[in-house]
Amino acid sequence: MICGILLLAYLAANGQHMATLFELGRGQYSAAIRFLAEESDGHIVTIGSDGHDLDMFLTLAFYRSAAMEGKQCIY
């Protein structure tokens, strides 16, 4: 019973944050990659990061097909 009450209190306290996450998503990655593609000259977009290689690689792999619009991405 106590666990159920604590779970409901937790969900109530974080409900607004969870609703915002579900509504807006996380990080606007697609818009950022689309901006990089639009601002890059030519058909090759070169992207680097600050050392989080696996995270960035997976993010690019997921979003680049829709956001790059036919441009090639080199990481």
N, C-alpha and C. Protein backbone atom coordinates (compact mmCIF):
# COMPACT_ATOMS: atom_id res chain seq x y z
N MET A 1 0.82 -1.19 0.00
CA MET A 1 0.00 0.00 0.00
C MET A 1 0.87 1.26 0.00
N ILE A 2 1.90 1.24 0.84
CA ILE A 2 2.79 2.40 0.91
C ILE A 2 3.53 2.61 -0.40
N CYS A 3 3.95 1.52 -1.02
CA CYS A 3 4.64 1.63 -2.32
C CYS A 3 3.73 2.25 -3.37
N GLY A 4 2.48 1.85 -3.37
CA GLY A 4 1.53 2.42 -4.32
C GLY A 4 1.33 3.91 -4.12
N ILE A 5 1.23 4.32 -2.87
CA ILE A 5 1.07 5.75 -2.56
C ILE A 5 2.30 6.53 -2.98
N LEU A 6 3.49 5.98 -2.71
CA LEU A 6 4.73 6.65 -3.11
C LEU A 6 4.84 6.74 -4.63
N LEU A 7 4.43 5.70 -5.33
CA LEU A 7 4.46 5.72 -6.80
C LEU A 7 3.52 6.79 -7.34
N LEU A 8 2.32 6.87 -6.81
CA LEU A 8 1.37 7.90 -7.24
C LEU A 8 1.89 9.30 -6.93
N ALA A 9 2.51 9.49 -5.79
CA ALA A 9 3.09 10.79 -5.44
C ALA A 9 4.21 11.15 -6.40
N TYR A 10 5.04 10.18 -6.75
CA TYR A 10 6.14 10.41 -7.69
C TYR A 10 5.59 10.81 -9.06
N LEU A 11 4.61 10.08 -9.55
CA LEU A 11 4.02 10.38 -10.86
C LEU A 11 3.33 11.74 -10.86
N ALA A 12 2.68 12.09 -9.77
CA ALA A 12 2.02 13.39 -9.68
C ALA A 12 3.05 14.52 -9.68
N ALA A 13 4.13 14.33 -8.97
CA ALA A 13 5.16 15.38 -8.89
C ALA A 13 5.89 15.57 -10.21
N ASN A 14 6.03 14.50 -11.00
CA ASN A 14 6.76 14.59 -12.26
C ASN A 14 5.85 14.61 -13.48
N GLY A 15 4.56 14.67 -13.27
CA GLY A 15 3.62 14.62 -14.38
C GLY A 15 3.81 15.71 -15.41
N GLN A 16 4.03 16.94 -14.97
CA GLN A 16 4.22 18.05 -15.91
C GLN A 16 5.48 17.87 -16.74
N HIS A 17 6.55 17.43 -16.10
CA HIS A 17 7.80 17.21 -16.82
C HIS A 17 7.66 16.08 -17.83
N MET A 18 6.96 15.02 -17.45
CA MET A 18 6.75 13.91 -18.36
C MET A 18 5.87 14.32 -19.53
N ALA A 19 4.85 15.14 -19.28
CA ALA A 19 3.98 15.61 -20.36
C ALA A 19 4.77 16.46 -21.35
N THR A 20 5.65 17.32 -20.84
CA THR A 20 6.48 18.13 -21.72
C THR A 20 7.42 17.26 -22.55
N LEU A 21 8.00 16.24 -21.94
CA LEU A 21 8.88 15.33 -22.67
C LEU A 21 8.12 14.62 -23.78
N PHE A 22 6.93 14.14 -23.50
CA PHE A 22 6.14 13.44 -24.51
C PHE A 22 5.69 14.39 -25.62
N GLU A 23 5.43 15.63 -25.28
CA GLU A 23 4.97 16.60 -26.27
C GLU A 23 6.09 17.10 -27.17
N LEU A 24 7.22 17.47 -26.59
CA LEU A 24 8.29 18.11 -27.36
C LEU A 24 9.43 17.18 -27.74
N GLY A 25 9.54 16.06 -27.09
CA GLY A 25 10.65 15.17 -27.36
C GLY A 25 11.89 15.60 -26.60
N ARG A 26 13.02 15.06 -27.03
CA ARG A 26 14.25 15.29 -26.30
C ARG A 26 15.30 15.88 -27.21
N GLY A 27 15.70 17.10 -26.99
CA GLY A 27 16.87 17.67 -27.63
C GLY A 27 16.70 18.29 -29.00
N GLN A 28 15.59 18.08 -29.68
CA GLN A 28 15.37 18.63 -31.01
C GLN A 28 16.51 18.27 -31.97
N TYR A 29 16.94 17.01 -31.93
CA TYR A 29 18.07 16.56 -32.74
C TYR A 29 17.79 16.68 -34.23
N SER A 30 16.58 16.36 -34.64
CA SER A 30 16.25 16.42 -36.06
C SER A 30 16.39 17.84 -36.59
N ALA A 31 15.93 18.83 -35.83
CA ALA A 31 16.05 20.22 -36.25
C ALA A 31 17.51 20.66 -36.30
N ALA A 32 18.32 20.19 -35.35
CA ALA A 32 19.73 20.56 -35.33
C ALA A 32 20.47 19.96 -36.52
N ILE A 33 20.19 18.70 -36.85
CA ILE A 33 20.84 18.06 -38.00
C ILE A 33 20.37 18.69 -39.30
N ARG A 34 19.09 19.03 -39.38
CA ARG A 34 18.57 19.72 -40.57
C ARG A 34 19.25 21.07 -40.75
N PHE A 35 19.49 21.79 -39.65
CA PHE A 35 20.19 23.08 -39.72
C PHE A 35 21.61 22.89 -40.24
N LEU A 36 22.31 21.87 -39.75
CA LEU A 36 23.67 21.61 -40.24
C LEU A 36 23.66 21.32 -41.73
N ALA A 37 22.69 20.55 -42.19
CA ALA A 37 22.61 20.21 -43.62
C ALA A 37 22.30 21.45 -44.46
N GLU A 38 21.42 22.31 -43.97
CA GLU A 38 21.06 23.51 -44.72
C GLU A 38 22.21 24.51 -44.79
N GLU A 39 22.99 24.62 -43.74
CA GLU A 39 24.07 25.60 -43.67
C GLU A 39 25.37 25.11 -44.28
N SER A 40 25.47 23.84 -44.62
CA SER A 40 26.70 23.29 -45.21
C SER A 40 26.67 23.47 -46.71
N ASP A 41 27.79 23.90 -47.26
CA ASP A 41 27.91 24.02 -48.71
C ASP A 41 28.21 22.65 -49.31
N GLY A 42 27.71 22.42 -50.50
CA GLY A 42 27.96 21.15 -51.16
C GLY A 42 27.05 20.05 -50.68
N HIS A 43 27.42 18.82 -51.04
CA HIS A 43 26.58 17.68 -50.70
C HIS A 43 27.15 16.83 -49.56
N ILE A 44 28.28 17.27 -48.97
CA ILE A 44 28.88 16.54 -47.86
C ILE A 44 28.82 17.40 -46.60
N VAL A 45 28.27 16.83 -45.53
CA VAL A 45 28.19 17.51 -44.24
C VAL A 45 29.16 16.81 -43.30
N THR A 46 30.14 17.55 -42.78
CA THR A 46 31.11 16.99 -41.85
C THR A 46 30.74 17.40 -40.43
N ILE A 47 30.64 16.41 -39.55
CA ILE A 47 30.22 16.66 -38.17
C ILE A 47 31.26 16.06 -37.22
N GLY A 48 31.60 16.79 -36.18
CA GLY A 48 32.50 16.30 -35.13
C GLY A 48 31.83 16.49 -33.79
N SER A 49 32.39 15.87 -32.77
CA SER A 49 31.81 16.02 -31.43
C SER A 49 32.91 16.13 -30.40
N ASP A 50 32.52 16.20 -29.13
CA ASP A 50 33.46 16.44 -28.05
C ASP A 50 33.88 15.17 -27.31
N GLY A 51 33.82 14.05 -27.96
CA GLY A 51 34.29 12.83 -27.34
C GLY A 51 33.21 11.81 -27.01
N HIS A 52 31.97 12.13 -27.24
CA HIS A 52 30.87 11.18 -27.01
C HIS A 52 30.56 10.49 -28.33
N ASP A 53 31.52 9.75 -28.84
CA ASP A 53 31.43 9.21 -30.18
C ASP A 53 30.28 8.25 -30.38
N LEU A 54 30.08 7.33 -29.49
CA LEU A 54 29.01 6.35 -29.66
C LEU A 54 27.65 7.03 -29.61
N ASP A 55 27.44 7.93 -28.66
CA ASP A 55 26.16 8.63 -28.57
C ASP A 55 25.87 9.42 -29.84
N MET A 56 26.86 10.15 -30.31
CA MET A 56 26.67 10.97 -31.51
C MET A 56 26.46 10.11 -32.74
N PHE A 57 27.20 9.03 -32.86
CA PHE A 57 27.05 8.14 -34.00
C PHE A 57 25.64 7.56 -34.05
N LEU A 58 25.13 7.11 -32.91
CA LEU A 58 23.79 6.53 -32.88
C LEU A 58 22.72 7.58 -33.16
N THR A 59 22.91 8.78 -32.64
CA THR A 59 21.95 9.86 -32.89
C THR A 59 21.92 10.21 -34.37
N LEU A 60 23.09 10.34 -34.97
CA LEU A 60 23.15 10.64 -36.41
C LEU A 60 22.56 9.52 -37.24
N ALA A 61 22.84 8.28 -36.88
CA ALA A 61 22.30 7.15 -37.62
C ALA A 61 20.77 7.15 -37.61
N PHE A 62 20.18 7.57 -36.50
CA PHE A 62 18.73 7.57 -36.39
C PHE A 62 18.09 8.74 -37.14
N TYR A 63 18.67 9.94 -37.06
CA TYR A 63 18.02 11.14 -37.59
C TYR A 63 18.49 11.56 -38.97
N ARG A 64 19.64 11.12 -39.44
CA ARG A 64 20.19 11.71 -40.65
C ARG A 64 19.40 11.40 -41.91
N SER A 65 18.76 10.25 -42.01
CA SER A 65 18.04 9.92 -43.24
C SER A 65 16.91 10.90 -43.51
N ALA A 66 16.21 11.34 -42.49
CA ALA A 66 15.10 12.26 -42.69
C ALA A 66 15.57 13.72 -42.71
N ALA A 67 16.64 14.03 -41.99
CA ALA A 67 17.03 15.43 -41.83
C ALA A 67 18.06 15.91 -42.86
N MET A 68 18.82 15.01 -43.46
CA MET A 68 19.90 15.42 -44.36
C MET A 68 19.43 15.68 -45.78
N GLU A 69 18.29 15.15 -46.16
CA GLU A 69 17.70 15.39 -47.49
C GLU A 69 18.67 15.13 -48.63
N GLY A 70 19.24 13.95 -48.66
CA GLY A 70 20.09 13.55 -49.78
C GLY A 70 21.55 13.92 -49.64
N LYS A 71 21.93 14.60 -48.60
CA LYS A 71 23.33 14.93 -48.40
C LYS A 71 24.04 13.80 -47.68
N GLN A 72 25.34 13.71 -47.91
CA GLN A 72 26.14 12.69 -47.25
C GLN A 72 26.70 13.24 -45.95
N CYS A 73 26.70 12.42 -44.92
CA CYS A 73 27.19 12.84 -43.61
C CYS A 73 28.48 12.10 -43.29
N ILE A 74 29.52 12.85 -42.94
CA ILE A 74 30.78 12.27 -42.50
C ILE A 74 30.99 12.68 -41.06
N TYR A 75 31.16 11.69 -40.20
CA TYR A 75 31.38 11.96 -38.79
C TYR A 75 32.83 11.70 -38.46
